[in-house]
C-alpha atoms as a PDB file:
ATOM      1  CA  MET A   1       0.131  -0.040   0.044  1.00  0.00           C
ATOM      2  CA  SER A   2       1.188   3.335  -0.947  1.00  0.00           C
ATOM      3  CA  LEU A   3       1.550   6.222   1.516  1.00  0.00           C
ATOM      4  CA  ARG A   4      -1.254   8.197  -0.358  1.00  0.00           C
ATOM      5  CA  ASP A   5      -3.446   5.164  -0.220  1.00  0.00           C
ATOM      6  CA  ALA A   6      -2.834   4.769   3.468  1.00  0.00           C
ATOM      7  CA  ALA A   7      -3.595   8.512   4.274  1.00  0.00           C
ATOM      8  CA  PRO A   8      -5.669   9.822   1.056  1.00  0.00           C
ATOM      9  CA  ASN A   9      -6.535  13.021   3.132  1.00  0.00           C
ATOM     10  CA  ALA A  10      -2.908  13.589   4.162  1.00  0.00           C
ATOM     11  CA  SER A  11      -1.475  17.298   3.895  1.00  0.00           C
ATOM     12  CA  PRO A  12       1.839  17.678   1.988  1.00  0.00           C
ATOM     13  CA  VAL A  13       3.611  18.384   5.172  1.00  0.00           C
ATOM     14  CA  THR A  14       2.259  14.857   6.955  1.00  0.00           C
ATOM     15  CA  LEU A  15       2.829  13.054   3.816  1.00  0.00           C
ATOM     16  CA  SER A  16       6.604  14.349   3.778  1.00  0.00           C
ATOM     17  CA  THR A  17       7.067  13.497   7.490  1.00  0.00           C
ATOM     18  CA  ALA A  18       5.506   9.957   6.925  1.00  0.00           C
ATOM     19  CA  LEU A  19       7.777   9.215   4.014  1.00  0.00           C
ATOM     20  CA  THR A  20      10.979  10.611   5.950  1.00  0.00           C
ATOM     21  CA  GLU A  21      10.150   7.997   8.688  1.00  0.00           C
ATOM     22  CA  ARG A  22       9.563   5.239   6.230  1.00  0.00           C
ATOM     23  CA  LEU A  23      12.835   5.968   4.337  1.00  0.00           C
ATOM     24  CA  ARG A  24      14.803   6.693   7.464  1.00  0.00           C
ATOM     25  CA  ALA A  25      13.569   3.235   8.828  1.00  0.00           C
ATOM     26  CA  ALA A  26      14.513   1.309   5.556  1.00  0.00           C
ATOM     27  CA  ILE A  27      18.055   3.002   5.638  1.00  0.00           C
ATOM     28  CA  MET A  28      18.546   2.098   9.284  1.00  0.00           C
ATOM     29  CA  ARG A  29      17.496  -1.366   8.613  1.00  0.00           C
ATOM     30  CA  GLY A  30      19.737  -1.675   5.568  1.00  0.00           C
ATOM     31  CA  GLU A  31      16.944  -2.369   3.103  1.00  0.00           C
ATOM     32  CA  LEU A  32      18.424   0.683   1.271  1.00  0.00           C
ATOM     33  CA  VAL A  33      22.101  -0.278   1.054  1.00  0.00           C
ATOM     34  CA  PRO A  34      24.881   2.191   2.079  1.00  0.00           C
ATOM     35  CA  GLY A  35      25.996   3.996  -1.030  1.00  0.00           C
ATOM     36  CA  SER A  36      22.967   2.751  -3.479  1.00  0.00           C
ATOM     37  CA  LYS A  37      21.713   5.259  -5.802  1.00  0.00           C
ATOM     38  CA  LEU A  38      17.933   6.407  -4.880  1.00  0.00           C
ATOM     39  CA  VAL A  39      16.141   6.540  -8.249  1.00  0.00           C
ATOM     40  CA  LEU A  40      13.374   9.116  -7.715  1.00  0.00           C
ATOM     41  CA  ASP A  41      10.978   7.859 -10.404  1.00  0.00           C
ATOM     42  CA  ARG A  42      11.208   4.367  -9.011  1.00  0.00           C
ATOM     43  CA  MET A  43      10.785   5.636  -5.582  1.00  0.00           C
ATOM     44  CA  ARG A  44       7.759   7.625  -6.537  1.00  0.00           C
ATOM     45  CA  ALA A  45       5.996   4.585  -7.818  1.00  0.00           C
ATOM     46  CA  SER A  46       7.042   2.484  -5.074  1.00  0.00           C
ATOM     47  CA  TYR A  47       5.778   4.887  -2.226  1.00  0.00           C
ATOM     48  CA  GLY A  48       3.057   6.590  -4.284  1.00  0.00           C
ATOM     49  CA  VAL A  49       3.844   9.892  -3.711  1.00  0.00           C
ATOM     50  CA  SER A  50       4.616  13.117  -6.024  1.00  0.00           C
ATOM     51  CA  LEU A  51       8.100  14.258  -6.342  1.00  0.00           C
ATOM     52  CA  SER A  52       7.818  17.129  -4.020  1.00  0.00           C
ATOM     53  CA  PRO A  53       7.329  15.377  -0.694  1.00  0.00           C
ATOM     54  CA  LEU A  54       9.944  12.916  -1.930  1.00  0.00           C
ATOM     55  CA  ARG A  55      12.366  15.666  -2.318  1.00  0.00           C
ATOM     56  CA  GLU A  56      11.428  17.199   0.998  1.00  0.00           C
ATOM     57  CA  ALA A  57      11.905  13.800   2.668  1.00  0.00           C
ATOM     58  CA  LEU A  58      15.377  13.329   1.108  1.00  0.00           C
ATOM     59  CA  CYS A  59      16.429  16.770   2.133  1.00  0.00           C
ATOM     60  CA  LYS A  60      15.463  16.065   5.663  1.00  0.00           C
ATOM     61  CA  LEU A  61      17.520  12.740   5.527  1.00  0.00           C
ATOM     62  CA  GLU A  62      20.365  14.576   3.967  1.00  0.00           C
ATOM     63  CA  SER A  63      20.726  16.988   6.893  1.00  0.00           C
ATOM     64  CA  GLU A  64      20.783  14.042   9.099  1.00  0.00           C
ATOM     65  CA  GLY A  65      23.622  12.459   7.245  1.00  0.00           C
ATOM     66  CA  LEU A  66      21.802   9.544   6.231  1.00  0.00           C
ATOM     67  CA  VAL A  67      21.468  10.603   2.436  1.00  0.00           C
ATOM     68  CA  ARG A  68      23.946  12.365   0.195  1.00  0.00           C
ATOM     69  CA  ALA A  69      22.903  14.868  -2.555  1.00  0.00           C
ATOM     70  CA  GLU A  70      24.890  14.460  -5.993  1.00  0.00           C
ATOM     71  CA  ASP A  71      25.061  17.363  -8.201  1.00  0.00           C
ATOM     72  CA  GLN A  72      22.797  16.728 -11.344  1.00  0.00           C
ATOM     73  CA  ARG A  73      22.729  13.023 -10.376  1.00  0.00           C
ATOM     74  CA  GLY A  74      20.200  12.889  -7.619  1.00  0.00           C
ATOM     75  CA  TYR A  75      20.617  11.086  -4.302  1.00  0.00           C
ATOM     76  CA  ARG A  76      22.374   8.225  -2.759  1.00  0.00           C
ATOM     77  CA  VAL A  77      22.306   6.523   0.626  1.00  0.00           C
ATOM     78  CA  ALA A  78      25.409   7.674   2.651  1.00  0.00           C
ATOM     79  CA  PRO A  79      28.078   5.176   2.453  1.00  0.00           C
ATOM     80  CA  VAL A  80      29.821   3.772   5.570  1.00  0.00           C
ATOM     81  CA  SER A  81      33.286   3.883   6.585  1.00  0.00           C
ATOM     82  CA  ALA A  82      35.631   3.212   9.510  1.00  0.00           C
ATOM     83  CA  ASP A  83      36.590   6.992   9.464  1.00  0.00           C
ATOM     84  CA  ASN A  84      33.022   8.174   9.446  1.00  0.00           C
ATOM     85  CA  LEU A  85      32.308   5.675  12.318  1.00  0.00           C
ATOM     86  CA  THR A  86      35.189   7.053  14.184  1.00  0.00           C
ATOM     87  CA  GLU A  87      34.028  10.705  13.780  1.00  0.00           C
ATOM     88  CA  VAL A  88      30.564   9.689  14.954  1.00  0.00           C
ATOM     89  CA  ILE A  89      31.967   7.959  18.105  1.00  0.00           C
ATOM     90  CA  ARG A  90      33.838  11.001  18.968  1.00  0.00           C
ATOM     91  CA  LEU A  91      31.097  13.613  18.628  1.00  0.00           C
ATOM     92  CA  ARG A  92      28.635  11.112  20.585  1.00  0.00           C
ATOM     93  CA  VAL A  93      31.185  10.937  23.525  1.00  0.00           C
ATOM     94  CA  GLU A  94      31.454  14.841  23.608  1.00  0.00           C
ATOM     95  CA  LEU A  95      27.756  15.862  23.057  1.00  0.00           C
ATOM     96  CA  GLU A  96      26.189  13.002  25.045  1.00  0.00           C
ATOM     97  CA  THR A  97      28.352  13.291  28.154  1.00  0.00           C
ATOM     98  CA  MET A  98      27.748  16.982  28.087  1.00  0.00           C
ATOM     99  CA  ALA A  99      23.830  16.387  27.837  1.00  0.00           C
ATOM    100  CA  ALA A 100      24.205  13.788  30.575  1.00  0.00           C
ATOM    101  CA  ARG A 101      25.980  16.189  32.990  1.00  0.00           C
ATOM    102  CA  GLU A 102      23.108  19.003  32.300  1.00  0.00           C
ATOM    103  CA  ALA A 103      20.529  16.301  32.653  1.00  0.00           C
ATOM    104  CA  ILE A 104      21.760  15.495  36.202  1.00  0.00           C
ATOM    105  CA  LEU A 105      21.840  19.285  36.998  1.00  0.00           C
ATOM    106  CA  HIS A 106      18.126  19.546  36.094  1.00  0.00           C
ATOM    107  CA  GLY A 107      16.526  16.280  36.369  1.00  0.00           C
ATOM    108  CA  ASP A 108      13.703  15.695  38.922  1.00  0.00           C
ATOM    109  CA  ALA A 109      11.921  12.450  40.368  1.00  0.00           C
ATOM    110  CA  ALA A 110       9.828  12.104  37.212  1.00  0.00           C
ATOM    111  CA  TRP A 111      12.755  12.052  35.039  1.00  0.00           C
ATOM    112  CA  GLU A 112      14.474   9.327  37.355  1.00  0.00           C
ATOM    113  CA  GLY A 113      11.086   7.483  36.875  1.00  0.00           C
ATOM    114  CA  ARG A 114      11.206   7.589  33.027  1.00  0.00           C
ATOM    115  CA  ILE A 115      14.962   6.273  33.187  1.00  0.00           C
ATOM    116  CA  LEU A 116      14.014   3.435  35.374  1.00  0.00           C
ATOM    117  CA  SER A 117      11.009   2.648  33.339  1.00  0.00           C
ATOM    118  CA  ALA A 118      13.006   2.923  29.891  1.00  0.00           C
ATOM    119  CA  LEU A 119      15.416   0.559  31.381  1.00  0.00           C
ATOM    120  CA  HIS A 120      13.014  -1.862  32.596  1.00  0.00           C
ATOM    121  CA  GLN A 121      11.545  -2.181  29.089  1.00  0.00           C
ATOM    122  CA  LEU A 122      14.841  -2.462  27.473  1.00  0.00           C
ATOM    123  CA  GLY A 123      15.797  -5.410  29.832  1.00  0.00           C
ATOM    124  CA  ARG A 124      12.649  -7.395  29.050  1.00  0.00           C
ATOM    125  CA  CYS A 125      13.851  -7.607  25.228  1.00  0.00           C
ATOM    126  CA  LYS A 126      15.420 -10.821  24.581  1.00  0.00           C
ATOM    127  CA  GLY A 127      18.993 -11.457  24.789  1.00  0.00           C
ATOM    128  CA  GLY A 128      21.215 -13.464  22.392  1.00  0.00           C
ATOM    129  CA  PRO A 129      20.501 -13.862  18.916  1.00  0.00           C
ATOM    130  CA  ARG A 130      17.042 -12.087  17.996  1.00  0.00           C
ATOM    131  CA  THR A 131      14.618 -12.234  14.897  1.00  0.00           C
ATOM    132  CA  PRO A 132      14.390  -9.090  12.906  1.00  0.00           C
ATOM    133  CA  GLU A 133      10.943  -8.380  14.515  1.00  0.00           C
ATOM    134  CA  GLU A 134      12.600  -8.670  18.000  1.00  0.00           C
ATOM    135  CA  GLN A 135      15.607  -6.757  17.142  1.00  0.00           C
ATOM    136  CA  GLU A 136      13.158  -3.931  15.949  1.00  0.00           C
ATOM    137  CA  VAL A 137      11.726  -4.032  19.412  1.00  0.00           C
ATOM    138  CA  TRP A 138      14.993  -3.696  21.075  1.00  0.00           C
ATOM    139  CA  GLU A 139      16.151  -0.988  18.971  1.00  0.00           C
ATOM    140  CA  GLU A 140      12.932   1.022  19.676  1.00  0.00           C
ATOM    141  CA  ARG A 141      13.539   0.423  23.412  1.00  0.00           C
ATOM    142  CA  HIS A 142      17.284   1.242  22.971  1.00  0.00           C
ATOM    143  CA  ARG A 143      16.632   4.568  21.467  1.00  0.00           C
ATOM    144  CA  ALA A 144      14.110   5.379  24.137  1.00  0.00           C
ATOM    145  CA  PHE A 145      16.446   4.500  26.889  1.00  0.00           C
ATOM    146  CA  HIS A 146      19.250   6.877  25.721  1.00  0.00           C
ATOM    147  CA  ALA A 147      16.776   9.608  24.899  1.00  0.00           C
ATOM    148  CA  GLU A 148      15.443   9.603  28.699  1.00  0.00           C
ATOM    149  CA  LEU A 149      19.017   9.568  29.902  1.00  0.00           C
ATOM    150  CA  ILE A 150      19.441  13.352  28.607  1.00  0.00           C
ATOM    151  CA  SER A 151      15.616  14.320  28.477  1.00  0.00           C
ATOM    152  CA  ALA A 152      16.084  16.653  31.528  1.00  0.00           C
ATOM    153  CA  CYS A 153      19.090  18.573  29.937  1.00  0.00           C
ATOM    154  CA  ARG A 154      17.101  21.624  28.796  1.00  0.00           C
ATOM    155  CA  MET A 155      19.124  21.939  25.811  1.00  0.00           C
ATOM    156  CA  PRO A 156      16.765  21.038  22.975  1.00  0.00           C
ATOM    157  CA  LEU A 157      19.430  21.665  20.199  1.00  0.00           C
ATOM    158  CA  LEU A 158      21.888  19.622  21.882  1.00  0.00           C
ATOM    159  CA  GLN A 159      19.266  16.831  22.433  1.00  0.00           C
ATOM    160  CA  GLN A 160      18.756  17.069  18.518  1.00  0.00           C
ATOM    161  CA  PHE A 161      22.418  16.781  17.830  1.00  0.00           C
ATOM    162  CA  CYS A 162      22.651  13.668  19.980  1.00  0.00           C
ATOM    163  CA  GLU A 163      19.769  12.161  18.380  1.00  0.00           C
ATOM    164  CA  THR A 164      21.186  12.646  14.948  1.00  0.00           C
ATOM    165  CA  LEU A 165      24.512  10.971  16.036  1.00  0.00           C
ATOM    166  CA  HIS A 166      22.587   8.205  17.573  1.00  0.00           C
ATOM    167  CA  ASP A 167      20.939   7.561  14.309  1.00  0.00           C
ATOM    168  CA  GLN A 168      24.454   7.539  12.773  1.00  0.00           C
ATOM    169  CA  SER A 169      25.642   5.052  15.322  1.00  0.00           C
ATOM    170  CA  ASP A 170      22.628   2.802  15.320  1.00  0.00           C
ATOM    171  CA  ARG A 171      23.054   2.228  11.421  1.00  0.00           C
ATOM    172  CA  TYR A 172      26.556   0.810  11.927  1.00  0.00           C
ATOM    173  CA  ARG A 173      25.647  -1.233  14.927  1.00  0.00           C
ATOM    174  CA  ARG A 174      22.745  -2.755  13.138  1.00  0.00           C
ATOM    175  CA  ILE A 175      24.909  -3.660  10.093  1.00  0.00           C
ATOM    176  CA  PHE A 176      27.525  -5.443  12.814  1.00  0.00           C
ATOM    177  CA  LEU A 177      24.602  -7.139  14.393  1.00  0.00           C
ATOM    178  CA  LYS A 178      23.800  -8.818  11.028  1.00  0.00           C
ATOM    179  CA  ASP A 179      26.784 -11.156  11.489  1.00  0.00           C
ATOM    180  CA  HIS A 180      27.397 -10.882  15.236  1.00  0.00           C
ATOM    181  CA  ALA A 181      25.578 -11.934  18.420  1.00  0.00           C
ATOM    182  CA  PRO A 182      24.414  -8.920  20.746  1.00  0.00           C
ATOM    183  CA  ASP A 183      27.097  -8.166  23.307  1.00  0.00           C
ATOM    184  CA  ARG A 184      26.331  -9.638  26.842  1.00  0.00           C
ATOM    185  CA  ASP A 185      27.908  -6.933  28.573  1.00  0.00           C
ATOM    186  CA  VAL A 186      25.576  -4.270  27.302  1.00  0.00           C
ATOM    187  CA  PRO A 187      22.599  -4.880  29.743  1.00  0.00           C
ATOM    188  CA  ALA A 188      25.061  -4.428  32.632  1.00  0.00           C
ATOM    189  CA  GLU A 189      26.427  -1.297  31.036  1.00  0.00           C
ATOM    190  CA  HIS A 190      23.032   0.531  30.650  1.00  0.00           C
ATOM    191  CA  ALA A 191      22.170  -0.623  34.223  1.00  0.00           C
ATOM    192  CA  ALA A 192      25.271   1.136  35.666  1.00  0.00           C
ATOM    193  CA  ILE A 193      24.799   4.159  33.548  1.00  0.00           C
ATOM    194  CA  ALA A 194      21.167   4.700  34.732  1.00  0.00           C
ATOM    195  CA  GLU A 195      22.239   4.108  38.347  1.00  0.00           C
ATOM    196  CA  ALA A 196      24.920   6.757  37.874  1.00  0.00           C
ATOM    197  CA  MET A 197      22.559   9.117  36.405  1.00  0.00           C
ATOM    198  CA  ILE A 198      20.024   8.963  39.106  1.00  0.00           C
ATOM    199  CA  GLU A 199      22.425   8.969  41.967  1.00  0.00           C
ATOM    200  CA  ARG A 200      23.679  12.169  40.388  1.00  0.00           C
ATOM    201  CA  ARG A 201      27.388  10.786  40.128  1.00  0.00           C
ATOM    202  CA  ALA A 202      28.016  13.052  37.215  1.00  0.00           C
ATOM    203  CA  ASP A 203      31.689  12.027  36.697  1.00  0.00           C
ATOM    204  CA  ASP A 204      30.844   8.404  36.802  1.00  0.00           C
ATOM    205  CA  ALA A 205      27.951   8.827  34.553  1.00  0.00           C
ATOM    206  CA  ALA A 206      30.088  10.367  31.697  1.00  0.00           C
ATOM    207  CA  ARG A 207      32.829   7.925  32.224  1.00  0.00           C
ATOM    208  CA  LEU A 208      30.342   5.053  31.982  1.00  0.00           C
ATOM    209  CA  LEU A 209      28.526   6.494  28.838  1.00  0.00           C
ATOM    210  CA  ARG A 210      31.800   7.404  27.200  1.00  0.00           C
ATOM    211  CA  ASP A 211      33.225   3.904  27.813  1.00  0.00           C
ATOM    212  CA  HIS A 212      29.869   2.339  26.496  1.00  0.00           C
ATOM    213  CA  ILE A 213      30.015   4.029  23.330  1.00  0.00           C
ATOM    214  CA  GLU A 214      33.506   3.814  22.499  1.00  0.00           C
ATOM    215  CA  ARG A 215      33.567   0.022  23.395  1.00  0.00           C
ATOM    216  CA  THR A 216      30.741  -0.675  20.979  1.00  0.00           C
ATOM    217  CA  GLY A 217      32.593   1.657  18.325  1.00  0.00           C
ATOM    218  CA  ARG A 218      35.621  -0.347  18.839  1.00  0.00           C
ATOM    219  CA  ASN A 219      33.833  -3.896  18.267  1.00  0.00           C
ATOM    220  CA  ILE A 220      32.124  -2.336  15.081  1.00  0.00           C
ATOM    221  CA  GLN A 221      35.435  -0.845  13.919  1.00  0.00           C
ATOM    222  CA  ALA A 222      37.010  -4.136  14.151  1.00  0.00           C
ATOM    223  CA  ALA A 223      34.413  -5.813  12.085  1.00  0.00           C
ATOM    224  CA  LEU A 224      34.590  -3.232   9.519  1.00  0.00           C
ATOM    225  CA  ARG A 225      38.358  -3.610   9.042  1.00  0.00           C
ATOM    226  CA  ALA A 226      37.939  -7.524   8.848  1.00  0.00           C
END
């Protein structure tokens, strides 16, 4: 079913937003392969949309670093590389630890509760090898957990940057998980980060978050170079 058939009365803005989310998910899951050319006419037919919302969606994804525009040649899915992943990891460490410190300063009891709830939901996900459907549930809950950690930072622009970088990092991790089992240490790391955040141990929280991001990055880097 096309997007237009699913929502025949949708406004151009709503249609563009829905298409952006659908394309982002396809890129994140690897259905749109890194480096592959995005043929606009084919995509218009596939998604049942006009050129205008399609271009708007691709421009949005370009701003997020998931799509690249090519002069007179259209668009491609952003490629992956060890150098790009190194940059993503470094920026995530700098910005997420900054956001975490700000969240610790401003977070209240409701924020603490949201962190614990997100951690609980993430912990209910199956460990070890997962089906694609189980992996999607984990991805959604993992994203929600990391978002809650910094949700009290009172810096919307910083949160937006962190969200974009998290998407970039997730794309690499999903590629890694296609050929590797989930890391058994990750649940313990999440629990330790949550505890440090709630107990307002800013230095410990920043260190644990940095180690968590960097260790995951090193595992993926090794796989990319293999």
